[in-house]
Amino acid sequence: MIRVVVAEDAYLVREGIRRLLETEQDIDVVGSCEDLPSLLEAIEAERPDVVLTDIRMPPTNQDEGIQVADRLRKTSPETGVVVLSQFAAPEYALALLEQGADRRAYLLKDRVGDVAQLAGAIREVARGGSVIDSKIVEALVTARARTDSPLDELTPRERETLEEMAQGKNNAAIATSLVITEQSVEKVIHSIFRKLGVSWKPDVNRRVKAVLLYLAERDA
């Protein structure tokens, strides 16, 4: 079982998420919180495998979800964090990944009605992976498109693959989604990193981080 603590200040949203996750046989919601202090208490008491948290909660309603993710890097690096946000601004996702992409996910709230996607993100971070909402990647790519960039050299297929990679998918999953062979996926990924000047890293978590950090640095 994947033990999950849910943190969301809106009661109806919090209860909706809890009830959605209770339908998954391998996920056990062991705590439900409405603010940062109660979340920290629940983490200490329950030692969850994954924390599913809103990005903004009381007491400051700023970036409590990011704060928790950063703190857990030091106190409990094996605990995964799935951050939910209504903001498609790339800087929030980049802040989440600043200390590493492994065991981290960033999803937009308008996606969480799909229990398969939400549960899939929880499972992915629980096993050490990462998931970034495709809308965030699209925003980064669009921002970069306004100025000259190596991204301009990417073909439509390479852009599609880049977005699939940022969702935490491995080569097999990308091949299925794009209806091409795994060998073709590998060639496309090599081409992407060659054009972006990012060294080849076979680990999907590092691939996600490398791509997003590259885009962020060039977007500064």
N, C-alpha and C. Protein backbone atom coordinates (compact mmCIF):
# COMPACT_ATOMS: atom_id res chain seq x y z
N MET A 1 0.84 -1.21 0.00
CA MET A 1 0.00 0.00 0.00
C MET A 1 0.87 1.26 0.00
N ILE A 2 0.42 2.26 -0.73
CA ILE A 2 1.08 3.55 -0.74
C ILE A 2 0.34 4.45 0.24
N ARG A 3 1.03 4.84 1.31
CA ARG A 3 0.42 5.66 2.36
C ARG A 3 0.51 7.13 1.95
N VAL A 4 -0.65 7.81 1.92
CA VAL A 4 -0.71 9.18 1.41
C VAL A 4 -1.34 10.11 2.44
N VAL A 5 -0.74 11.28 2.61
CA VAL A 5 -1.34 12.37 3.38
C VAL A 5 -1.77 13.44 2.40
N VAL A 6 -3.02 13.89 2.51
CA VAL A 6 -3.58 14.91 1.62
C VAL A 6 -3.66 16.24 2.35
N ALA A 7 -3.19 17.31 1.70
CA ALA A 7 -3.26 18.65 2.30
C ALA A 7 -3.90 19.61 1.31
N GLU A 8 -5.03 20.17 1.69
CA GLU A 8 -5.78 21.10 0.83
C GLU A 8 -6.70 21.92 1.74
N ASP A 9 -6.64 23.26 1.63
CA ASP A 9 -7.42 24.07 2.56
C ASP A 9 -8.91 24.12 2.24
N ALA A 10 -9.28 23.86 1.00
CA ALA A 10 -10.70 23.85 0.64
C ALA A 10 -11.31 22.49 0.99
N TYR A 11 -12.27 22.49 1.90
CA TYR A 11 -12.83 21.25 2.42
C TYR A 11 -13.40 20.35 1.33
N LEU A 12 -14.20 20.93 0.43
CA LEU A 12 -14.84 20.11 -0.61
C LEU A 12 -13.81 19.48 -1.54
N VAL A 13 -12.77 20.23 -1.88
CA VAL A 13 -11.71 19.69 -2.75
C VAL A 13 -10.96 18.59 -2.02
N ARG A 14 -10.64 18.85 -0.75
CA ARG A 14 -9.91 17.87 0.05
C ARG A 14 -10.68 16.57 0.17
N GLU A 15 -11.97 16.67 0.46
CA GLU A 15 -12.78 15.47 0.60
C GLU A 15 -12.98 14.77 -0.74
N GLY A 16 -13.10 15.57 -1.80
CA GLY A 16 -13.23 14.96 -3.12
C GLY A 16 -12.02 14.15 -3.50
N ILE A 17 -10.84 14.70 -3.23
CA ILE A 17 -9.60 13.99 -3.53
C ILE A 17 -9.50 12.72 -2.69
N ARG A 18 -9.83 12.85 -1.41
CA ARG A 18 -9.75 11.69 -0.52
C ARG A 18 -10.66 10.56 -1.01
N ARG A 19 -11.87 10.91 -1.40
CA ARG A 19 -12.82 9.88 -1.84
C ARG A 19 -12.39 9.27 -3.18
N LEU A 20 -11.83 10.08 -4.05
CA LEU A 20 -11.31 9.54 -5.31
C LEU A 20 -10.22 8.51 -5.04
N LEU A 21 -9.29 8.86 -4.16
CA LEU A 21 -8.16 7.98 -3.90
C LEU A 21 -8.57 6.72 -3.16
N GLU A 22 -9.65 6.79 -2.39
CA GLU A 22 -10.11 5.62 -1.66
C GLU A 22 -10.61 4.52 -2.58
N THR A 23 -10.85 4.86 -3.85
CA THR A 23 -11.28 3.84 -4.82
C THR A 23 -10.11 3.03 -5.37
N GLU A 24 -8.88 3.48 -5.07
CA GLU A 24 -7.69 2.80 -5.56
C GLU A 24 -7.22 1.79 -4.51
N GLN A 25 -7.10 0.53 -4.92
CA GLN A 25 -6.81 -0.53 -3.95
C GLN A 25 -5.41 -0.44 -3.36
N ASP A 26 -4.49 0.20 -4.06
CA ASP A 26 -3.11 0.24 -3.57
C ASP A 26 -2.74 1.56 -2.91
N ILE A 27 -3.74 2.44 -2.69
CA ILE A 27 -3.49 3.74 -2.07
C ILE A 27 -4.31 3.87 -0.80
N ASP A 28 -3.64 4.25 0.29
CA ASP A 28 -4.30 4.39 1.59
C ASP A 28 -4.11 5.82 2.08
N VAL A 29 -5.20 6.59 2.16
CA VAL A 29 -5.12 7.97 2.67
C VAL A 29 -5.09 7.91 4.19
N VAL A 30 -3.93 8.24 4.75
CA VAL A 30 -3.74 8.10 6.20
C VAL A 30 -3.83 9.43 6.94
N GLY A 31 -4.02 10.52 6.20
CA GLY A 31 -4.13 11.82 6.84
C GLY A 31 -4.75 12.84 5.91
N SER A 32 -5.49 13.80 6.49
CA SER A 32 -6.14 14.84 5.71
C SER A 32 -5.96 16.15 6.45
N CYS A 33 -5.36 17.16 5.80
CA CYS A 33 -4.96 18.39 6.49
C CYS A 33 -5.45 19.62 5.73
N GLU A 34 -5.57 20.73 6.47
CA GLU A 34 -6.07 21.96 5.86
C GLU A 34 -5.07 23.11 5.87
N ASP A 35 -3.92 22.92 6.52
CA ASP A 35 -2.92 24.00 6.55
C ASP A 35 -1.54 23.40 6.78
N LEU A 36 -0.53 24.27 6.71
CA LEU A 36 0.85 23.79 6.84
C LEU A 36 1.16 23.17 8.20
N PRO A 37 0.78 23.79 9.32
CA PRO A 37 1.09 23.16 10.62
C PRO A 37 0.50 21.76 10.76
N SER A 38 -0.77 21.60 10.36
CA SER A 38 -1.37 20.26 10.50
C SER A 38 -0.75 19.27 9.54
N LEU A 39 -0.28 19.74 8.39
CA LEU A 39 0.40 18.84 7.45
C LEU A 39 1.72 18.36 8.03
N LEU A 40 2.49 19.26 8.60
CA LEU A 40 3.76 18.86 9.20
C LEU A 40 3.56 17.88 10.34
N GLU A 41 2.50 18.08 11.12
CA GLU A 41 2.18 17.15 12.20
C GLU A 41 1.81 15.78 11.66
N ALA A 42 1.02 15.76 10.58
CA ALA A 42 0.61 14.49 9.99
C ALA A 42 1.79 13.74 9.40
N ILE A 43 2.71 14.47 8.78
CA ILE A 43 3.91 13.83 8.21
C ILE A 43 4.72 13.18 9.32
N GLU A 44 4.87 13.90 10.42
CA GLU A 44 5.64 13.38 11.55
C GLU A 44 4.98 12.15 12.17
N ALA A 45 3.65 12.18 12.26
CA ALA A 45 2.92 11.09 12.91
C ALA A 45 2.74 9.87 12.01
N GLU A 46 2.48 10.11 10.73
CA GLU A 46 2.11 9.01 9.84
C GLU A 46 3.25 8.47 8.97
N ARG A 47 4.29 9.27 8.78
CA ARG A 47 5.41 8.87 7.91
C ARG A 47 4.90 8.34 6.57
N PRO A 48 4.19 9.17 5.81
CA PRO A 48 3.59 8.71 4.55
C PRO A 48 4.64 8.44 3.48
N ASP A 49 4.24 7.65 2.49
CA ASP A 49 5.09 7.43 1.32
C ASP A 49 5.03 8.63 0.37
N VAL A 50 3.84 9.24 0.32
CA VAL A 50 3.62 10.38 -0.58
C VAL A 50 2.78 11.44 0.12
N VAL A 51 3.16 12.69 -0.08
CA VAL A 51 2.35 13.83 0.37
C VAL A 51 1.72 14.46 -0.86
N LEU A 52 0.40 14.56 -0.86
CA LEU A 52 -0.34 15.21 -1.93
C LEU A 52 -0.81 16.55 -1.39
N THR A 53 -0.23 17.65 -1.89
CA THR A 53 -0.47 18.94 -1.26
C THR A 53 -0.80 20.04 -2.24
N ASP A 54 -1.68 20.94 -1.80
CA ASP A 54 -1.94 22.16 -2.55
C ASP A 54 -0.67 23.01 -2.49
N ILE A 55 -0.46 23.84 -3.51
CA ILE A 55 0.74 24.68 -3.51
C ILE A 55 0.61 25.83 -2.53
N ARG A 56 -0.63 26.31 -2.31
CA ARG A 56 -0.87 27.42 -1.40
C ARG A 56 -1.87 27.02 -0.32
N MET A 57 -1.48 27.23 0.93
CA MET A 57 -2.34 26.92 2.07
C MET A 57 -2.10 27.94 3.16
N PRO A 58 -2.99 28.01 4.16
CA PRO A 58 -2.70 28.81 5.35
C PRO A 58 -1.44 28.25 6.03
N PRO A 59 -0.64 29.06 6.70
CA PRO A 59 -1.03 30.39 7.17
C PRO A 59 -0.74 31.55 6.20
N THR A 60 0.13 31.40 5.22
CA THR A 60 0.49 32.54 4.37
C THR A 60 -0.15 32.50 2.99
N ASN A 61 -0.61 31.31 2.56
CA ASN A 61 -1.19 31.15 1.23
C ASN A 61 -0.23 31.62 0.13
N GLN A 62 1.03 31.21 0.24
CA GLN A 62 2.02 31.58 -0.75
C GLN A 62 2.57 30.34 -1.47
N ASP A 63 3.50 29.65 -0.83
CA ASP A 63 4.12 28.49 -1.49
C ASP A 63 4.36 27.35 -0.49
N GLU A 64 3.38 27.12 0.38
CA GLU A 64 3.55 26.11 1.43
C GLU A 64 3.88 24.73 0.86
N GLY A 65 3.27 24.37 -0.28
CA GLY A 65 3.55 23.07 -0.87
C GLY A 65 5.01 22.91 -1.27
N ILE A 66 5.59 23.96 -1.83
CA ILE A 66 7.01 23.95 -2.19
C ILE A 66 7.87 23.87 -0.95
N GLN A 67 7.48 24.60 0.10
CA GLN A 67 8.24 24.57 1.36
C GLN A 67 8.30 23.15 1.92
N VAL A 68 7.17 22.47 1.90
CA VAL A 68 7.13 21.10 2.42
C VAL A 68 8.02 20.18 1.59
N ALA A 69 7.95 20.33 0.27
CA ALA A 69 8.77 19.50 -0.61
C ALA A 69 10.25 19.72 -0.34
N ASP A 70 10.65 20.98 -0.15
CA ASP A 70 12.05 21.28 0.13
C ASP A 70 12.48 20.72 1.48
N ARG A 71 11.60 20.85 2.47
CA ARG A 71 11.93 20.34 3.80
C ARG A 71 12.11 18.83 3.78
N LEU A 72 11.24 18.14 3.06
CA LEU A 72 11.32 16.68 3.02
C LEU A 72 12.57 16.19 2.30
N ARG A 73 13.15 17.00 1.42
CA ARG A 73 14.43 16.62 0.80
C ARG A 73 15.48 16.36 1.87
N LYS A 74 15.40 17.12 2.95
CA LYS A 74 16.39 17.01 4.03
C LYS A 74 15.97 16.02 5.10
N THR A 75 14.69 16.07 5.49
CA THR A 75 14.25 15.26 6.62
C THR A 75 13.78 13.86 6.25
N SER A 76 13.25 13.71 5.04
CA SER A 76 12.72 12.40 4.61
C SER A 76 12.80 12.29 3.09
N PRO A 77 14.01 12.12 2.55
CA PRO A 77 14.20 12.11 1.09
C PRO A 77 13.45 11.01 0.36
N GLU A 78 13.01 9.97 1.08
CA GLU A 78 12.28 8.88 0.43
C GLU A 78 10.79 9.18 0.29
N THR A 79 10.34 10.28 0.88
CA THR A 79 8.92 10.65 0.78
C THR A 79 8.66 11.42 -0.50
N GLY A 80 7.71 10.97 -1.29
CA GLY A 80 7.36 11.65 -2.52
C GLY A 80 6.40 12.80 -2.26
N VAL A 81 6.40 13.77 -3.16
CA VAL A 81 5.49 14.93 -3.03
C VAL A 81 4.83 15.19 -4.38
N VAL A 82 3.50 15.21 -4.36
CA VAL A 82 2.73 15.62 -5.53
C VAL A 82 2.09 16.96 -5.21
N VAL A 83 2.49 17.99 -5.92
CA VAL A 83 1.97 19.33 -5.69
C VAL A 83 0.83 19.60 -6.66
N LEU A 84 -0.28 20.07 -6.13
CA LEU A 84 -1.43 20.46 -6.94
C LEU A 84 -1.52 21.98 -6.98
N SER A 85 -1.76 22.52 -8.16
CA SER A 85 -1.81 23.97 -8.28
C SER A 85 -2.80 24.38 -9.35
N GLN A 86 -3.39 25.56 -9.18
CA GLN A 86 -4.24 26.13 -10.22
C GLN A 86 -3.43 27.03 -11.13
N PHE A 87 -2.11 27.13 -10.86
CA PHE A 87 -1.25 28.03 -11.60
C PHE A 87 -0.41 27.28 -12.61
N ALA A 88 -0.50 27.68 -13.88
CA ALA A 88 0.29 27.06 -14.93
C ALA A 88 1.63 27.75 -15.12
N ALA A 89 1.98 28.68 -14.23
CA ALA A 89 3.24 29.41 -14.33
C ALA A 89 4.41 28.44 -14.12
N PRO A 90 5.33 28.37 -15.07
CA PRO A 90 6.43 27.41 -14.99
C PRO A 90 7.32 27.57 -13.77
N GLU A 91 7.41 28.80 -13.23
CA GLU A 91 8.35 29.02 -12.13
C GLU A 91 8.01 28.18 -10.90
N TYR A 92 6.74 27.86 -10.70
CA TYR A 92 6.39 27.03 -9.56
C TYR A 92 6.92 25.61 -9.73
N ALA A 93 6.77 25.06 -10.93
CA ALA A 93 7.29 23.72 -11.19
C ALA A 93 8.80 23.70 -11.07
N LEU A 94 9.45 24.74 -11.55
CA LEU A 94 10.91 24.80 -11.48
C LEU A 94 11.38 24.93 -10.04
N ALA A 95 10.64 25.67 -9.22
CA ALA A 95 10.99 25.78 -7.80
C ALA A 95 10.88 24.41 -7.13
N LEU A 96 9.86 23.65 -7.50
CA LEU A 96 9.68 22.31 -6.94
C LEU A 96 10.86 21.41 -7.28
N LEU A 97 11.41 21.56 -8.49
CA LEU A 97 12.48 20.69 -8.97
C LEU A 97 13.88 21.21 -8.68
N GLU A 98 13.97 22.36 -8.02
CA GLU A 98 15.28 22.99 -7.84
C GLU A 98 16.26 22.07 -7.12
N GLN A 99 15.77 21.28 -6.17
CA GLN A 99 16.64 20.38 -5.42
C GLN A 99 16.59 18.94 -5.94
N GLY A 100 16.01 18.76 -7.12
CA GLY A 100 15.95 17.43 -7.72
C GLY A 100 14.56 17.10 -8.21
N ALA A 101 14.50 16.29 -9.26
CA ALA A 101 13.21 15.94 -9.86
C ALA A 101 12.66 14.62 -9.34
N ASP A 102 13.53 13.78 -8.75
CA ASP A 102 13.06 12.47 -8.31
C ASP A 102 12.04 12.61 -7.18
N ARG A 103 11.01 11.76 -7.24
CA ARG A 103 9.93 11.72 -6.23
C ARG A 103 9.17 13.05 -6.14
N ARG A 104 9.04 13.74 -7.26
CA ARG A 104 8.28 14.99 -7.26
C ARG A 104 7.35 15.03 -8.47
N ALA A 105 6.14 15.57 -8.27
CA ALA A 105 5.19 15.74 -9.37
C ALA A 105 4.49 17.08 -9.20
N TYR A 106 4.15 17.69 -10.32
CA TYR A 106 3.44 18.97 -10.33
C TYR A 106 2.27 18.84 -11.28
N LEU A 107 1.06 18.87 -10.73
CA LEU A 107 -0.16 18.72 -11.53
C LEU A 107 -1.05 19.94 -11.37
N LEU A 108 -1.73 20.31 -12.42
CA LEU A 108 -2.71 21.37 -12.34
C LEU A 108 -4.02 20.81 -11.78
N LYS A 109 -4.71 21.61 -10.99
CA LYS A 109 -5.91 21.13 -10.31
C LYS A 109 -7.01 20.73 -11.28
N ASP A 110 -7.02 21.34 -12.46
CA ASP A 110 -8.09 20.98 -13.39
C ASP A 110 -7.90 19.60 -13.99
N ARG A 111 -6.78 18.95 -13.64
CA ARG A 111 -6.52 17.59 -14.13
C ARG A 111 -6.94 16.52 -13.12
N VAL A 112 -7.14 16.90 -11.86
CA VAL A 112 -7.29 15.89 -10.81
C VAL A 112 -8.66 15.23 -10.81
N GLY A 113 -9.58 15.68 -11.64
CA GLY A 113 -10.83 14.95 -11.75
C GLY A 113 -10.64 13.60 -12.38
N ASP A 114 -9.51 13.42 -13.04
CA ASP A 114 -9.16 12.13 -13.64
C ASP A 114 -8.40 11.32 -12.60
N VAL A 115 -9.09 10.40 -11.94
CA VAL A 115 -8.45 9.65 -10.86
C VAL A 115 -7.28 8.81 -11.37
N ALA A 116 -7.36 8.36 -12.62
CA ALA A 116 -6.27 7.56 -13.16
C ALA A 116 -4.99 8.39 -13.24
N GLN A 117 -5.11 9.65 -13.66
CA GLN A 117 -3.93 10.51 -13.76
C GLN A 117 -3.38 10.86 -12.38
N LEU A 118 -4.28 11.18 -11.45
CA LEU A 118 -3.85 11.52 -10.10
C LEU A 118 -3.19 10.33 -9.42
N ALA A 119 -3.83 9.17 -9.48
CA ALA A 119 -3.27 7.97 -8.87
C ALA A 119 -1.97 7.57 -9.56
N GLY A 120 -1.92 7.77 -10.87
CA GLY A 120 -0.70 7.44 -11.61
C GLY A 120 0.47 8.29 -11.17
N ALA A 121 0.23 9.58 -10.91
CA ALA A 121 1.29 10.46 -10.44
C ALA A 121 1.77 10.04 -9.06
N ILE A 122 0.83 9.65 -8.20
CA ILE A 122 1.20 9.19 -6.85
C ILE A 122 2.07 7.94 -6.94
N ARG A 123 1.66 7.01 -7.78
CA ARG A 123 2.45 5.78 -7.92
C ARG A 123 3.84 6.06 -8.49
N GLU A 124 3.90 7.00 -9.43
CA GLU A 124 5.18 7.31 -10.06
C GLU A 124 6.17 7.91 -9.07
N VAL A 125 5.73 8.88 -8.26
CA VAL A 125 6.65 9.47 -7.30
C VAL A 125 6.98 8.49 -6.18
N ALA A 126 6.04 7.61 -5.85
CA ALA A 126 6.30 6.61 -4.80
C ALA A 126 7.44 5.68 -5.19
N ARG A 127 7.56 5.41 -6.50
CA ARG A 127 8.65 4.54 -6.93
C ARG A 127 9.89 5.30 -7.39
N GLY A 128 9.91 6.62 -7.10
CA GLY A 128 11.11 7.40 -7.37
C GLY A 128 11.07 8.24 -8.62
N GLY A 129 9.95 8.24 -9.33
CA GLY A 129 9.86 8.98 -10.59
C GLY A 129 9.38 10.39 -10.41
N SER A 130 9.07 11.04 -11.52
CA SER A 130 8.58 12.42 -11.49
C SER A 130 7.59 12.64 -12.62
N VAL A 131 6.66 13.56 -12.39
CA VAL A 131 5.64 13.88 -13.38
C VAL A 131 5.44 15.39 -13.39
N ILE A 132 5.50 15.99 -14.57
CA ILE A 132 5.23 17.42 -14.73
C ILE A 132 4.09 17.57 -15.71
N ASP A 133 3.08 18.34 -15.33
CA ASP A 133 1.92 18.54 -16.19
C ASP A 133 2.36 19.05 -17.55
N SER A 134 1.81 18.48 -18.59
CA SER A 134 2.22 18.85 -19.96
C SER A 134 1.95 20.32 -20.26
N LYS A 135 0.96 20.92 -19.58
CA LYS A 135 0.67 22.34 -19.81
C LYS A 135 1.83 23.22 -19.36
N ILE A 136 2.57 22.76 -18.34
CA ILE A 136 3.72 23.52 -17.87
C ILE A 136 4.81 23.51 -18.94
N VAL A 137 5.04 22.34 -19.51
CA VAL A 137 6.04 22.23 -20.57
C VAL A 137 5.65 23.08 -21.76
N GLU A 138 4.36 23.05 -22.10
CA GLU A 138 3.88 23.87 -23.22
C GLU A 138 4.14 25.35 -22.95
N ALA A 139 3.93 25.78 -21.72
CA ALA A 139 4.14 27.19 -21.37
C ALA A 139 5.61 27.57 -21.51
N LEU A 140 6.49 26.66 -21.09
CA LEU A 140 7.92 26.92 -21.21
C LEU A 140 8.34 27.00 -22.68
N VAL A 141 7.84 26.06 -23.45
CA VAL A 141 8.19 26.04 -24.87
C VAL A 141 7.66 27.29 -25.56
N THR A 142 6.43 27.70 -25.23
CA THR A 142 5.84 28.90 -25.83
C THR A 142 6.64 30.14 -25.46
N ALA A 143 7.04 30.24 -24.20
CA ALA A 143 7.83 31.39 -23.75
C ALA A 143 9.15 31.46 -24.50
N ARG A 144 9.77 30.30 -24.69
CA ARG A 144 11.05 30.27 -25.38
C ARG A 144 10.88 30.61 -26.86
N ALA A 145 9.69 30.32 -27.40
CA ALA A 145 9.47 30.53 -28.83
C ALA A 145 9.45 32.01 -29.19
N ARG A 146 9.33 32.88 -28.18
CA ARG A 146 9.27 34.31 -28.45
C ARG A 146 10.64 34.87 -28.81
N THR A 147 11.70 34.18 -28.47
CA THR A 147 13.05 34.64 -28.78
C THR A 147 13.83 33.52 -29.43
N ASP A 148 14.96 33.87 -30.04
CA ASP A 148 15.79 32.85 -30.67
C ASP A 148 16.27 31.84 -29.63
N SER A 149 16.21 30.60 -29.98
CA SER A 149 16.58 29.53 -29.04
C SER A 149 16.86 28.25 -29.79
N PRO A 150 17.71 27.38 -29.24
CA PRO A 150 17.89 26.06 -29.85
C PRO A 150 16.58 25.28 -29.96
N LEU A 151 15.57 25.65 -29.14
CA LEU A 151 14.27 24.99 -29.25
C LEU A 151 13.65 25.19 -30.63
N ASP A 152 14.05 26.28 -31.28
CA ASP A 152 13.53 26.54 -32.62
C ASP A 152 13.94 25.45 -33.60
N GLU A 153 15.01 24.75 -33.28
CA GLU A 153 15.51 23.71 -34.17
C GLU A 153 14.76 22.39 -34.02
N LEU A 154 13.95 22.27 -32.97
CA LEU A 154 13.25 21.01 -32.73
C LEU A 154 12.14 20.81 -33.76
N THR A 155 12.03 19.60 -34.23
CA THR A 155 10.95 19.25 -35.15
C THR A 155 9.66 19.06 -34.35
N PRO A 156 8.51 19.05 -35.00
CA PRO A 156 7.26 18.78 -34.28
C PRO A 156 7.31 17.47 -33.51
N ARG A 157 7.91 16.44 -34.09
CA ARG A 157 8.03 15.15 -33.39
C ARG A 157 8.90 15.28 -32.15
N GLU A 158 9.97 16.06 -32.22
CA GLU A 158 10.85 16.24 -31.08
C GLU A 158 10.15 17.04 -29.98
N ARG A 159 9.33 18.01 -30.36
CA ARG A 159 8.57 18.76 -29.35
C ARG A 159 7.55 17.87 -28.65
N GLU A 160 6.89 17.01 -29.41
CA GLU A 160 5.93 16.07 -28.82
C GLU A 160 6.64 15.15 -27.84
N THR A 161 7.81 14.68 -28.23
CA THR A 161 8.57 13.77 -27.38
C THR A 161 9.04 14.48 -26.12
N LEU A 162 9.46 15.74 -26.26
CA LEU A 162 9.88 16.52 -25.10
C LEU A 162 8.76 16.63 -24.08
N GLU A 163 7.55 16.88 -24.53
CA GLU A 163 6.41 16.98 -23.62
C GLU A 163 6.10 15.64 -22.97
N GLU A 164 6.23 14.55 -23.72
CA GLU A 164 5.99 13.22 -23.15
C GLU A 164 7.04 12.91 -22.08
N MET A 165 8.29 13.27 -22.34
CA MET A 165 9.36 13.03 -21.37
C MET A 165 9.10 13.76 -20.06
N ALA A 166 8.62 15.00 -20.18
CA ALA A 166 8.41 15.82 -18.99
C ALA A 166 7.26 15.32 -18.13
N GLN A 167 6.45 14.43 -18.68
CA GLN A 167 5.38 13.81 -17.90
C GLN A 167 5.86 12.56 -17.17
N GLY A 168 7.16 12.30 -17.26
CA GLY A 168 7.74 11.17 -16.53
C GLY A 168 7.65 9.85 -17.25
N LYS A 169 7.32 9.87 -18.54
CA LYS A 169 7.16 8.62 -19.28
C LYS A 169 8.50 8.04 -19.72
N ASN A 170 8.60 6.72 -19.66
CA ASN A 170 9.80 6.08 -20.18
C ASN A 170 9.67 5.89 -21.69
N ASN A 171 10.71 5.35 -22.30
CA ASN A 171 10.72 5.22 -23.75
C ASN A 171 9.57 4.37 -24.28
N ALA A 172 9.25 3.30 -23.56
CA ALA A 172 8.18 2.41 -24.00
C ALA A 172 6.84 3.14 -24.01
N ALA A 173 6.58 3.92 -22.94
CA ALA A 173 5.32 4.65 -22.85
C ALA A 173 5.24 5.73 -23.92
N ILE A 174 6.36 6.39 -24.19
CA ILE A 174 6.38 7.41 -25.23
C ILE A 174 6.11 6.78 -26.59
N ALA A 175 6.72 5.63 -26.83
CA ALA A 175 6.51 4.94 -28.10
C ALA A 175 5.04 4.59 -28.30
N THR A 176 4.40 4.12 -27.24
CA THR A 176 2.98 3.78 -27.33
C THR A 176 2.13 5.01 -27.60
N SER A 177 2.43 6.11 -26.89
CA SER A 177 1.65 7.33 -27.05
C SER A 177 1.79 7.93 -28.44
N LEU A 178 3.00 7.89 -28.99
CA LEU A 178 3.26 8.53 -30.29
C LEU A 178 3.16 7.54 -31.45
N VAL A 179 2.90 6.28 -31.11
CA VAL A 179 2.74 5.21 -32.12
C VAL A 179 4.00 5.10 -32.99
N ILE A 180 5.13 4.98 -32.32
CA ILE A 180 6.40 4.74 -33.00
C ILE A 180 7.16 3.68 -32.20
N THR A 181 8.29 3.21 -32.71
CA THR A 181 9.06 2.19 -32.02
C THR A 181 9.92 2.81 -30.92
N GLU A 182 10.31 1.97 -29.96
CA GLU A 182 11.19 2.45 -28.89
C GLU A 182 12.53 2.92 -29.46
N GLN A 183 13.01 2.23 -30.49
CA GLN A 183 14.26 2.63 -31.12
C GLN A 183 14.13 4.03 -31.71
N SER A 184 12.98 4.31 -32.31
CA SER A 184 12.75 5.65 -32.85
C SER A 184 12.72 6.70 -31.74
N VAL A 185 12.10 6.35 -30.62
CA VAL A 185 12.04 7.26 -29.47
C VAL A 185 13.45 7.59 -29.00
N GLU A 186 14.29 6.58 -28.88
CA GLU A 186 15.65 6.80 -28.41
C GLU A 186 16.41 7.74 -29.35
N LYS A 187 16.22 7.56 -30.64
CA LYS A 187 16.89 8.42 -31.61
C LYS A 187 16.40 9.86 -31.49
N VAL A 188 15.09 10.03 -31.31
CA VAL A 188 14.53 11.37 -31.18
C VAL A 188 15.07 12.05 -29.92
N ILE A 189 15.14 11.31 -28.81
CA ILE A 189 15.63 11.88 -27.55
C ILE A 189 17.09 12.29 -27.68
N HIS A 190 17.88 11.45 -28.31
CA HIS A 190 19.29 11.81 -28.54
C HIS A 190 19.37 13.10 -29.34
N SER A 191 18.52 13.23 -30.33
CA SER A 191 18.52 14.42 -31.17
C SER A 191 18.12 15.66 -30.37
N ILE A 192 17.12 15.50 -29.50
CA ILE A 192 16.67 16.62 -28.68
C ILE A 192 17.81 17.14 -27.81
N PHE A 193 18.47 16.24 -27.12
CA PHE A 193 19.52 16.67 -26.21
C PHE A 193 20.74 17.21 -26.96
N ARG A 194 20.98 16.68 -28.13
CA ARG A 194 22.08 17.22 -28.94
C ARG A 194 21.77 18.67 -29.32
N LYS A 195 20.55 18.94 -29.74
CA LYS A 195 20.17 20.29 -30.14
C LYS A 195 20.12 21.25 -28.95
N LEU A 196 19.71 20.75 -27.80
CA LEU A 196 19.62 21.60 -26.61
C LEU A 196 20.94 21.74 -25.88
N GLY A 197 21.92 20.94 -26.26
CA GLY A 197 23.20 21.00 -25.59
C GLY A 197 23.17 20.42 -24.19
N VAL A 198 22.27 19.48 -23.95
CA VAL A 198 22.15 18.81 -22.65
C VAL A 198 22.72 17.41 -22.78
N SER A 199 23.60 17.06 -21.84
CA SER A 199 24.24 15.75 -21.92
C SER A 199 23.21 14.64 -21.77
N TRP A 200 23.44 13.53 -22.46
CA TRP A 200 22.53 12.39 -22.43
C TRP A 200 22.53 11.72 -21.07
N LYS A 201 21.33 11.58 -20.49
CA LYS A 201 21.17 10.89 -19.21
C LYS A 201 20.01 9.91 -19.38
N PRO A 202 20.26 8.61 -19.28
CA PRO A 202 19.20 7.64 -19.53
C PRO A 202 18.10 7.64 -18.48
N ASP A 203 18.40 8.11 -17.26
CA ASP A 203 17.39 8.09 -16.20
C ASP A 203 16.32 9.13 -16.48
N VAL A 204 15.05 8.71 -16.49
CA VAL A 204 13.97 9.62 -16.89
C VAL A 204 13.84 10.81 -15.95
N ASN A 205 14.12 10.62 -14.64
CA ASN A 205 14.00 11.73 -13.71
C ASN A 205 15.00 12.83 -14.04
N ARG A 206 16.21 12.43 -14.34
CA ARG A 206 17.23 13.40 -14.70
C ARG A 206 16.91 14.06 -16.04
N ARG A 207 16.29 13.32 -16.92
CA ARG A 207 15.89 13.89 -18.20
C ARG A 207 14.90 15.01 -18.00
N VAL A 208 13.91 14.79 -17.14
CA VAL A 208 12.91 15.82 -16.86
C VAL A 208 13.59 17.05 -16.28
N LYS A 209 14.42 16.85 -15.29
CA LYS A 209 15.09 17.98 -14.66
C LYS A 209 15.97 18.73 -15.64
N ALA A 210 16.72 17.98 -16.44
CA ALA A 210 17.63 18.62 -17.40
C ALA A 210 16.87 19.49 -18.39
N VAL A 211 15.77 18.98 -18.90
CA VAL A 211 14.99 19.75 -19.87
C VAL A 211 14.42 21.01 -19.23
N LEU A 212 13.78 20.88 -18.08
CA LEU A 212 13.14 22.03 -17.46
C LEU A 212 14.17 23.07 -17.00
N LEU A 213 15.28 22.62 -16.44
CA LEU A 213 16.31 23.56 -16.02
C LEU A 213 16.91 24.27 -17.21
N TYR A 214 17.08 23.55 -18.30
CA TYR A 214 17.59 24.18 -19.52
C TYR A 214 16.65 25.30 -19.96
N LEU A 215 15.37 24.99 -20.03
CA LEU A 215 14.39 25.97 -20.48
C LEU A 215 14.34 27.16 -19.52
N ALA A 216 14.43 26.89 -18.22
CA ALA A 216 14.35 27.96 -17.23
C ALA A 216 15.56 28.90 -17.35
N GLU A 217 16.74 28.33 -17.51
CA GLU A 217 17.94 29.14 -17.63
C GLU A 217 17.88 30.03 -18.86
N ARG A 218 17.37 29.49 -19.94
CA ARG A 218 17.32 30.26 -21.19
C ARG A 218 16.18 31.27 -21.17
N ASP A 219 15.21 31.05 -20.24
CA ASP A 219 14.05 31.93 -20.19
C ASP A 219 14.27 33.10 -19.22
N ALA A 220 15.38 33.03 -18.49
CA ALA A 220 15.65 34.06 -17.48
C ALA A 220 15.91 35.42 -18.13
